[in-house]
Full PDB file with SEQRES, HELIX, SHEET, SSBOND, CRYST1, ORIGX, SCALE, CONECT and MASTER records, all heavy atoms in Angstrom:
SEQRES   1 A   35  SER LEU GLY ILE GLY ALA VAL ALA VAL ILE SER GLY ALA          
SEQRES   2 A   35  PRO PRO THR ARG ALA GLN PHE ALA GLU VAL LEU ALA GLY          
SEQRES   3 A   35  ARG LEU ASP GLU ASN ALA ARG LEU ARG                          
HELIX    1 AA1 ARG A   17  LEU A   28  1                                  12    
HELIX    2 AA2 ALA A   32  LEU A   34  5                                   3    
CRYST1    1.000    1.000    1.000  90.00  90.00  90.00 P 1           1          
ORIGX1      1.000000  0.000000  0.000000        0.00000                         
ORIGX2      0.000000  1.000000  0.000000        0.00000                         
ORIGX3      0.000000  0.000000  1.000000        0.00000                         
SCALE1      1.000000  0.000000  0.000000        0.00000                         
SCALE2      0.000000  1.000000  0.000000        0.00000                         
SCALE3      0.000000  0.000000  1.000000        0.00000                         
ATOM      1  N   SER A   1       0.862  -1.178  -0.022  1.00  0.00           N  
ATOM      2  CA  SER A   1       0.085  -0.029   0.034  1.00  0.00           C  
ATOM      3  C   SER A   1       0.914   1.175  -0.042  1.00  0.00           C  
ATOM      4  O   SER A   1       1.824   1.294   0.760  1.00  0.00           O  
ATOM      5  CB  SER A   1      -0.907   0.025   1.252  1.00  0.00           C  
ATOM      6  OG  SER A   1      -1.593   1.224   1.397  1.00  0.00           O  
ATOM      7  N   LEU A   2       0.612   2.250  -0.817  1.00  0.00           N  
ATOM      8  CA  LEU A   2       1.435   3.443  -0.942  1.00  0.00           C  
ATOM      9  C   LEU A   2       0.884   4.671  -0.265  1.00  0.00           C  
ATOM     10  O   LEU A   2       1.021   5.686  -0.725  1.00  0.00           O  
ATOM     11  CB  LEU A   2       1.844   3.701  -2.315  1.00  0.00           C  
ATOM     12  CG  LEU A   2       2.754   2.582  -3.074  1.00  0.00           C  
ATOM     13  CD1 LEU A   2       3.043   2.911  -4.522  1.00  0.00           C  
ATOM     14  CD2 LEU A   2       3.970   2.533  -2.271  1.00  0.00           C  
ATOM     15  N   GLY A   3       0.110   4.352   0.823  1.00  0.00           N  
ATOM     16  CA  GLY A   3      -0.376   5.553   1.611  1.00  0.00           C  
ATOM     17  C   GLY A   3       0.714   6.111   2.515  1.00  0.00           C  
ATOM     18  O   GLY A   3       1.437   5.371   3.220  1.00  0.00           O  
ATOM     19  N   ILE A   4       1.024   7.364   2.511  1.00  0.00           N  
ATOM     20  CA  ILE A   4       1.892   8.019   3.417  1.00  0.00           C  
ATOM     21  C   ILE A   4       1.062   8.793   4.443  1.00  0.00           C  
ATOM     22  O   ILE A   4      -0.112   9.257   4.216  1.00  0.00           O  
ATOM     23  CB  ILE A   4       2.895   8.973   2.752  1.00  0.00           C  
ATOM     24  CG1 ILE A   4       2.194  10.172   2.058  1.00  0.00           C  
ATOM     25  CG2 ILE A   4       3.670   8.191   1.800  1.00  0.00           C  
ATOM     26  CD1 ILE A   4       3.144  11.093   1.518  1.00  0.00           C  
ATOM     27  N   GLY A   5       1.525   8.804   5.725  1.00  0.00           N  
ATOM     28  CA  GLY A   5       0.768   9.421   6.737  1.00  0.00           C  
ATOM     29  C   GLY A   5       1.495  10.365   7.672  1.00  0.00           C  
ATOM     30  O   GLY A   5       2.686  10.335   7.819  1.00  0.00           O  
ATOM     31  N   ALA A   6       0.603  11.221   8.394  1.00  0.00           N  
ATOM     32  CA  ALA A   6       1.111  11.921   9.438  1.00  0.00           C  
ATOM     33  C   ALA A   6       0.147  11.789  10.596  1.00  0.00           C  
ATOM     34  O   ALA A   6      -1.048  11.740  10.398  1.00  0.00           O  
ATOM     35  CB  ALA A   6       1.020  13.542   9.100  1.00  0.00           C  
ATOM     36  N   VAL A   7       0.669  11.442  11.790  1.00  0.00           N  
ATOM     37  CA  VAL A   7      -0.016  11.037  12.900  1.00  0.00           C  
ATOM     38  C   VAL A   7       0.187  12.085  14.010  1.00  0.00           C  
ATOM     39  O   VAL A   7       1.315  12.415  14.578  1.00  0.00           O  
ATOM     40  CB  VAL A   7       0.398   9.673  13.504  1.00  0.00           C  
ATOM     41  CG1 VAL A   7      -0.474   9.281  14.672  1.00  0.00           C  
ATOM     42  CG2 VAL A   7       0.353   8.682  12.446  1.00  0.00           C  
ATOM     43  N   ALA A   8      -0.927  12.841  14.373  1.00  0.00           N  
ATOM     44  CA  ALA A   8      -0.762  13.842  15.382  1.00  0.00           C  
ATOM     45  C   ALA A   8      -1.393  13.302  16.634  1.00  0.00           C  
ATOM     46  O   ALA A   8      -2.616  12.772  16.710  1.00  0.00           O  
ATOM     47  CB  ALA A   8      -1.597  15.093  14.970  1.00  0.00           C  
ATOM     48  N   VAL A   9      -0.655  13.474  17.703  1.00  0.00           N  
ATOM     49  CA  VAL A   9      -1.082  13.037  19.075  1.00  0.00           C  
ATOM     50  C   VAL A   9      -1.568  14.388  19.772  1.00  0.00           C  
ATOM     51  O   VAL A   9      -0.728  15.341  19.897  1.00  0.00           O  
ATOM     52  CB  VAL A   9       0.034  12.386  19.895  1.00  0.00           C  
ATOM     53  CG1 VAL A   9      -0.520  11.979  21.346  1.00  0.00           C  
ATOM     54  CG2 VAL A   9       0.399  11.062  19.191  1.00  0.00           C  
ATOM     55  N   ILE A  10      -2.800  14.450  20.223  1.00  0.00           N  
ATOM     56  CA  ILE A  10      -3.421  15.691  20.597  1.00  0.00           C  
ATOM     57  C   ILE A  10      -3.856  15.599  22.016  1.00  0.00           C  
ATOM     58  O   ILE A  10      -4.407  14.505  22.371  1.00  0.00           O  
ATOM     59  CB  ILE A  10      -4.481  16.011  19.616  1.00  0.00           C  
ATOM     60  CG1 ILE A  10      -4.010  15.988  18.161  1.00  0.00           C  
ATOM     61  CG2 ILE A  10      -5.132  17.394  19.903  1.00  0.00           C  
ATOM     62  CD1 ILE A  10      -5.066  16.082  17.073  1.00  0.00           C  
ATOM     63  N   SER A  11      -3.862  16.659  22.761  1.00  0.00           N  
ATOM     64  CA  SER A  11      -4.260  16.766  24.142  1.00  0.00           C  
ATOM     65  C   SER A  11      -5.737  16.764  24.229  1.00  0.00           C  
ATOM     66  O   SER A  11      -6.462  17.279  23.306  1.00  0.00           O  
ATOM     67  CB  SER A  11      -3.603  17.869  24.826  1.00  0.00           C  
ATOM     68  OG  SER A  11      -4.113  19.138  24.296  1.00  0.00           O  
ATOM     69  N   GLY A  12      -6.279  16.310  25.495  1.00  0.00           N  
ATOM     70  CA  GLY A  12      -7.728  16.444  25.740  1.00  0.00           C  
ATOM     71  C   GLY A  12      -8.584  15.456  24.964  1.00  0.00           C  
ATOM     72  O   GLY A  12      -8.103  14.437  24.491  1.00  0.00           O  
ATOM     73  N   ALA A  13      -9.880  15.760  24.918  1.00  0.00           N  
ATOM     74  CA  ALA A  13     -10.735  14.920  24.170  1.00  0.00           C  
ATOM     75  C   ALA A  13     -11.012  15.394  22.696  1.00  0.00           C  
ATOM     76  O   ALA A  13     -11.007  16.606  22.444  1.00  0.00           O  
ATOM     77  CB  ALA A  13     -12.144  14.834  24.896  1.00  0.00           C  
ATOM     78  N   PRO A  14     -11.471  14.594  21.765  1.00  0.00           N  
ATOM     79  CA  PRO A  14     -11.611  14.948  20.439  1.00  0.00           C  
ATOM     80  C   PRO A  14     -12.886  15.788  20.297  1.00  0.00           C  
ATOM     81  O   PRO A  14     -13.742  15.616  21.214  1.00  0.00           O  
ATOM     82  CB  PRO A  14     -11.694  13.615  19.580  1.00  0.00           C  
ATOM     83  CG  PRO A  14     -12.097  12.724  20.621  1.00  0.00           C  
ATOM     84  CD  PRO A  14     -11.488  13.046  21.833  1.00  0.00           C  
ATOM     85  N   PRO A  15     -12.998  16.525  19.274  1.00  0.00           N  
ATOM     86  CA  PRO A  15     -14.406  17.181  18.995  1.00  0.00           C  
ATOM     87  C   PRO A  15     -15.492  16.144  18.672  1.00  0.00           C  
ATOM     88  O   PRO A  15     -15.265  14.986  18.519  1.00  0.00           O  
ATOM     89  CB  PRO A  15     -14.065  18.097  17.800  1.00  0.00           C  
ATOM     90  CG  PRO A  15     -12.991  17.302  17.048  1.00  0.00           C  
ATOM     91  CD  PRO A  15     -12.172  16.685  18.121  1.00  0.00           C  
ATOM     92  N   THR A  16     -16.732  16.571  18.642  1.00  0.00           N  
ATOM     93  CA  THR A  16     -17.752  15.675  18.139  1.00  0.00           C  
ATOM     94  C   THR A  16     -17.644  15.350  16.709  1.00  0.00           C  
ATOM     95  O   THR A  16     -16.911  16.009  16.044  1.00  0.00           O  
ATOM     96  CB  THR A  16     -19.119  16.339  18.397  1.00  0.00           C  
ATOM     97  OG1 THR A  16     -19.335  17.471  17.544  1.00  0.00           O  
ATOM     98  CG2 THR A  16     -19.283  16.779  19.866  1.00  0.00           C  
ATOM     99  N   ARG A  17     -18.245  14.322  16.294  1.00  0.00           N  
ATOM    100  CA  ARG A  17     -18.212  13.963  14.863  1.00  0.00           C  
ATOM    101  C   ARG A  17     -18.708  15.054  13.899  1.00  0.00           C  
ATOM    102  O   ARG A  17     -18.158  15.328  12.960  1.00  0.00           O  
ATOM    103  CB  ARG A  17     -18.931  12.566  14.633  1.00  0.00           C  
ATOM    104  CG  ARG A  17     -18.271  11.463  15.440  1.00  0.00           C  
ATOM    105  CD  ARG A  17     -18.998  10.254  15.101  1.00  0.00           C  
ATOM    106  NE  ARG A  17     -18.374   9.156  15.923  1.00  0.00           N  
ATOM    107  CZ  ARG A  17     -18.372   7.831  15.615  1.00  0.00           C  
ATOM    108  NH1 ARG A  17     -18.844   7.385  14.474  1.00  0.00           N  
ATOM    109  NH2 ARG A  17     -17.759   6.970  16.409  1.00  0.00           N  
ATOM    110  N   ALA A  18     -19.852  15.615  14.371  1.00  0.00           N  
ATOM    111  CA  ALA A  18     -20.430  16.791  13.589  1.00  0.00           C  
ATOM    112  C   ALA A  18     -19.419  17.841  13.505  1.00  0.00           C  
ATOM    113  O   ALA A  18     -19.324  18.513  12.438  1.00  0.00           O  
ATOM    114  CB  ALA A  18     -21.707  17.207  14.227  1.00  0.00           C  
ATOM    115  N   GLN A  19     -18.825  18.271  14.713  1.00  0.00           N  
ATOM    116  CA  GLN A  19     -17.838  19.375  14.619  1.00  0.00           C  
ATOM    117  C   GLN A  19     -16.738  19.160  13.696  1.00  0.00           C  
ATOM    118  O   GLN A  19     -16.285  19.980  12.953  1.00  0.00           O  
ATOM    119  CB  GLN A  19     -17.300  19.699  16.002  1.00  0.00           C  
ATOM    120  CG  GLN A  19     -18.376  20.246  16.928  1.00  0.00           C  
ATOM    121  CD  GLN A  19     -17.910  20.308  18.476  1.00  0.00           C  
ATOM    122  OE1 GLN A  19     -16.986  19.559  18.839  1.00  0.00           O  
ATOM    123  NE2 GLN A  19     -18.372  21.255  19.223  1.00  0.00           N  
ATOM    124  N   PHE A  20     -16.061  17.909  13.711  1.00  0.00           N  
ATOM    125  CA  PHE A  20     -15.046  17.599  12.996  1.00  0.00           C  
ATOM    126  C   PHE A  20     -15.335  17.697  11.496  1.00  0.00           C  
ATOM    127  O   PHE A  20     -14.681  18.265  10.590  1.00  0.00           O  
ATOM    128  CB  PHE A  20     -14.433  16.193  13.309  1.00  0.00           C  
ATOM    129  CG  PHE A  20     -13.126  15.857  12.526  1.00  0.00           C  
ATOM    130  CD1 PHE A  20     -11.880  16.265  13.071  1.00  0.00           C  
ATOM    131  CD2 PHE A  20     -13.163  15.149  11.413  1.00  0.00           C  
ATOM    132  CE1 PHE A  20     -10.750  15.963  12.406  1.00  0.00           C  
ATOM    133  CE2 PHE A  20     -12.062  14.728  10.729  1.00  0.00           C  
ATOM    134  CZ  PHE A  20     -10.814  15.250  11.211  1.00  0.00           C  
ATOM    135  N   ALA A  21     -16.466  17.095  11.181  1.00  0.00           N  
ATOM    136  CA  ALA A  21     -16.918  17.012   9.754  1.00  0.00           C  
ATOM    137  C   ALA A  21     -17.182  18.397   9.214  1.00  0.00           C  
ATOM    138  O   ALA A  21     -16.959  18.681   7.968  1.00  0.00           O  
ATOM    139  CB  ALA A  21     -18.207  16.112   9.601  1.00  0.00           C  
ATOM    140  N   GLU A  22     -17.739  19.284   9.967  1.00  0.00           N  
ATOM    141  CA  GLU A  22     -18.082  20.693   9.541  1.00  0.00           C  
ATOM    142  C   GLU A  22     -16.880  21.405   9.158  1.00  0.00           C  
ATOM    143  O   GLU A  22     -16.739  22.036   8.140  1.00  0.00           O  
ATOM    144  CB  GLU A  22     -18.932  21.431  10.781  1.00  0.00           C  
ATOM    145  CG  GLU A  22     -19.187  22.734  10.271  1.00  0.00           C  
ATOM    146  CD  GLU A  22     -19.908  23.500  11.327  1.00  0.00           C  
ATOM    147  OE1 GLU A  22     -20.036  23.020  12.511  1.00  0.00           O  
ATOM    148  OE2 GLU A  22     -20.435  24.650  11.214  1.00  0.00           O  
ATOM    149  N   VAL A  23     -15.818  21.321  10.036  1.00  0.00           N  
ATOM    150  CA  VAL A  23     -14.564  21.992   9.727  1.00  0.00           C  
ATOM    151  C   VAL A  23     -13.792  21.444   8.582  1.00  0.00           C  
ATOM    152  O   VAL A  23     -13.355  22.113   7.609  1.00  0.00           O  
ATOM    153  CB  VAL A  23     -13.630  22.034  10.950  1.00  0.00           C  
ATOM    154  CG1 VAL A  23     -12.308  22.596  10.667  1.00  0.00           C  
ATOM    155  CG2 VAL A  23     -14.222  22.832  12.105  1.00  0.00           C  
ATOM    156  N   LEU A  24     -13.876  20.159   8.480  1.00  0.00           N  
ATOM    157  CA  LEU A  24     -13.162  19.462   7.331  1.00  0.00           C  
ATOM    158  C   LEU A  24     -13.825  19.814   6.072  1.00  0.00           C  
ATOM    159  O   LEU A  24     -13.222  19.985   5.054  1.00  0.00           O  
ATOM    160  CB  LEU A  24     -13.203  17.939   7.534  1.00  0.00           C  
ATOM    161  CG  LEU A  24     -12.447  17.059   6.497  1.00  0.00           C  
ATOM    162  CD1 LEU A  24     -11.019  17.515   6.303  1.00  0.00           C  
ATOM    163  CD2 LEU A  24     -12.526  15.573   6.828  1.00  0.00           C  
ATOM    164  N   ALA A  25     -15.160  19.842   6.120  1.00  0.00           N  
ATOM    165  CA  ALA A  25     -15.940  20.243   4.846  1.00  0.00           C  
ATOM    166  C   ALA A  25     -15.501  21.652   4.352  1.00  0.00           C  
ATOM    167  O   ALA A  25     -15.380  21.816   3.112  1.00  0.00           O  
ATOM    168  CB  ALA A  25     -17.416  20.167   5.081  1.00  0.00           C  
ATOM    169  N   GLY A  26     -15.327  22.574   5.320  1.00  0.00           N  
ATOM    170  CA  GLY A  26     -14.849  23.794   4.961  1.00  0.00           C  
ATOM    171  C   GLY A  26     -13.397  23.887   4.308  1.00  0.00           C  
ATOM    172  O   GLY A  26     -13.222  24.590   3.320  1.00  0.00           O  
ATOM    173  N   ARG A  27     -12.612  22.982   4.730  1.00  0.00           N  
ATOM    174  CA  ARG A  27     -11.278  22.902   4.191  1.00  0.00           C  
ATOM    175  C   ARG A  27     -11.309  22.378   2.809  1.00  0.00           C  
ATOM    176  O   ARG A  27     -10.495  22.668   1.952  1.00  0.00           O  
ATOM    177  CB  ARG A  27     -10.317  21.910   5.101  1.00  0.00           C  
ATOM    178  CG  ARG A  27     -10.246  22.397   6.495  1.00  0.00           C  
ATOM    179  CD  ARG A  27      -9.362  23.713   6.554  1.00  0.00           C  
ATOM    180  NE  ARG A  27      -8.896  23.908   7.874  1.00  0.00           N  
ATOM    181  CZ  ARG A  27      -9.550  24.900   8.779  1.00  0.00           C  
ATOM    182  NH1 ARG A  27     -10.629  25.474   8.411  1.00  0.00           N  
ATOM    183  NH2 ARG A  27      -9.065  25.045   9.975  1.00  0.00           N  
ATOM    184  N   LEU A  28     -12.276  21.451   2.468  1.00  0.00           N  
ATOM    185  CA  LEU A  28     -12.339  20.888   1.142  1.00  0.00           C  
ATOM    186  C   LEU A  28     -12.609  21.818   0.170  1.00  0.00           C  
ATOM    187  O   LEU A  28     -12.240  21.734  -1.038  1.00  0.00           O  
ATOM    188  CB  LEU A  28     -13.261  19.722   1.112  1.00  0.00           C  
ATOM    189  CG  LEU A  28     -13.076  18.517   2.019  1.00  0.00           C  
ATOM    190  CD1 LEU A  28     -14.113  17.462   1.785  1.00  0.00           C  
ATOM    191  CD2 LEU A  28     -11.669  17.934   1.779  1.00  0.00           C  
ATOM    192  N   ASP A  29     -13.415  22.900   0.523  1.00  0.00           N  
ATOM    193  CA  ASP A  29     -13.745  23.961  -0.424  1.00  0.00           C  
ATOM    194  C   ASP A  29     -12.545  24.681  -0.952  1.00  0.00           C  
ATOM    195  O   ASP A  29     -12.567  25.402  -1.994  1.00  0.00           O  
ATOM    196  CB  ASP A  29     -14.739  24.951   0.226  1.00  0.00           C  
ATOM    197  CG  ASP A  29     -16.021  24.382   0.471  1.00  0.00           C  
ATOM    198  OD1 ASP A  29     -16.412  23.284  -0.167  1.00  0.00           O  
ATOM    199  OD2 ASP A  29     -16.800  24.774   1.436  1.00  0.00           O  
ATOM    200  N   GLU A  30     -11.409  24.641  -0.220  1.00  0.00           N  
ATOM    201  CA  GLU A  30     -10.241  25.290  -0.572  1.00  0.00           C  
ATOM    202  C   GLU A  30      -9.329  24.496  -1.480  1.00  0.00           C  
ATOM    203  O   GLU A  30      -8.331  24.979  -2.005  1.00  0.00           O  
ATOM    204  CB  GLU A  30      -9.445  25.723   0.703  1.00  0.00           C  
ATOM    205  CG  GLU A  30     -10.155  26.575   1.611  1.00  0.00           C  
ATOM    206  CD  GLU A  30      -9.593  26.720   3.041  1.00  0.00           C  
ATOM    207  OE1 GLU A  30      -8.593  25.971   3.230  1.00  0.00           O  
ATOM    208  OE2 GLU A  30     -10.075  27.386   3.827  1.00  0.00           O  
ATOM    209  N   ASN A  31      -9.501  23.171  -1.723  1.00  0.00           N  
ATOM    210  CA  ASN A  31      -8.708  22.367  -2.567  1.00  0.00           C  
ATOM    211  C   ASN A  31      -9.513  21.415  -3.243  1.00  0.00           C  
ATOM    212  O   ASN A  31     -10.011  20.335  -2.694  1.00  0.00           O  
ATOM    213  CB  ASN A  31      -7.674  21.632  -1.662  1.00  0.00           C  
ATOM    214  CG  ASN A  31      -6.515  21.093  -2.481  1.00  0.00           C  
ATOM    215  OD1 ASN A  31      -6.734  20.759  -3.618  1.00  0.00           O  
ATOM    216  ND2 ASN A  31      -5.463  20.950  -1.771  1.00  0.00           N  
ATOM    217  N   ALA A  32      -9.727  21.637  -4.512  1.00  0.00           N  
ATOM    218  CA  ALA A  32     -10.498  20.737  -5.377  1.00  0.00           C  
ATOM    219  C   ALA A  32      -9.968  19.342  -5.506  1.00  0.00           C  
ATOM    220  O   ALA A  32     -10.748  18.462  -5.697  1.00  0.00           O  
ATOM    221  CB  ALA A  32     -10.712  21.392  -6.764  1.00  0.00           C  
ATOM    222  N   ARG A  33      -8.626  19.250  -5.278  1.00  0.00           N  
ATOM    223  CA  ARG A  33      -8.038  17.865  -5.570  1.00  0.00           C  
ATOM    224  C   ARG A  33      -8.619  16.935  -4.506  1.00  0.00           C  
ATOM    225  O   ARG A  33      -8.640  15.652  -4.860  1.00  0.00           O  
ATOM    226  CB  ARG A  33      -6.502  18.066  -5.336  1.00  0.00           C  
ATOM    227  CG  ARG A  33      -5.738  16.696  -5.431  1.00  0.00           C  
ATOM    228  CD  ARG A  33      -5.655  16.187  -6.991  1.00  0.00           C  
ATOM    229  NE  ARG A  33      -4.702  16.846  -7.693  1.00  0.00           N  
ATOM    230  CZ  ARG A  33      -4.936  17.641  -8.842  1.00  0.00           C  
ATOM    231  NH1 ARG A  33      -6.194  17.663  -9.232  1.00  0.00           N  
ATOM    232  NH2 ARG A  33      -3.954  18.151  -9.418  1.00  0.00           N  
ATOM    233  N   LEU A  34      -8.929  17.279  -3.329  1.00  0.00           N  
ATOM    234  CA  LEU A  34      -9.419  16.390  -2.314  1.00  0.00           C  
ATOM    235  C   LEU A  34     -10.802  15.834  -2.705  1.00  0.00           C  
ATOM    236  O   LEU A  34     -11.409  14.947  -1.979  1.00  0.00           O  
ATOM    237  CB  LEU A  34      -9.484  17.141  -0.871  1.00  0.00           C  
ATOM    238  CG  LEU A  34      -8.100  17.568  -0.366  1.00  0.00           C  
ATOM    239  CD1 LEU A  34      -8.337  18.236   0.900  1.00  0.00           C  
ATOM    240  CD2 LEU A  34      -7.207  16.385  -0.288  1.00  0.00           C  
ATOM    241  N   ARG A  35     -11.499  16.483  -3.664  1.00  0.00           N  
ATOM    242  CA  ARG A  35     -12.772  15.873  -4.167  1.00  0.00           C  
ATOM    243  C   ARG A  35     -12.582  15.241  -5.443  1.00  0.00           C  
ATOM    244  O   ARG A  35     -13.585  14.792  -6.138  1.00  0.00           O  
ATOM    245  CB  ARG A  35     -13.744  17.090  -4.369  1.00  0.00           C  
ATOM    246  CG  ARG A  35     -14.162  17.830  -3.074  1.00  0.00           C  
ATOM    247  CD  ARG A  35     -15.063  18.926  -3.456  1.00  0.00           C  
ATOM    248  NE  ARG A  35     -15.609  19.585  -2.193  1.00  0.00           N  
ATOM    249  CZ  ARG A  35     -16.712  19.228  -1.460  1.00  0.00           C  
ATOM    250  NH1 ARG A  35     -17.380  18.213  -1.901  1.00  0.00           N  
ATOM    251  NH2 ARG A  35     -17.002  19.933  -0.470  1.00  0.00           N  
TER     252      ARG A  35                                                      
MASTER        0    0    0    2    0    0    0    6  251    1    0    3          
END                                                                             
């Protein structure tokens, strides 16, 4: 498999699924390649 990755270890608890998806959706609007 030729997937390369970056793993971030982050403090505290993760956001909710809805919060994470909302922010990620906004980032996709900035880069058409991700779609």
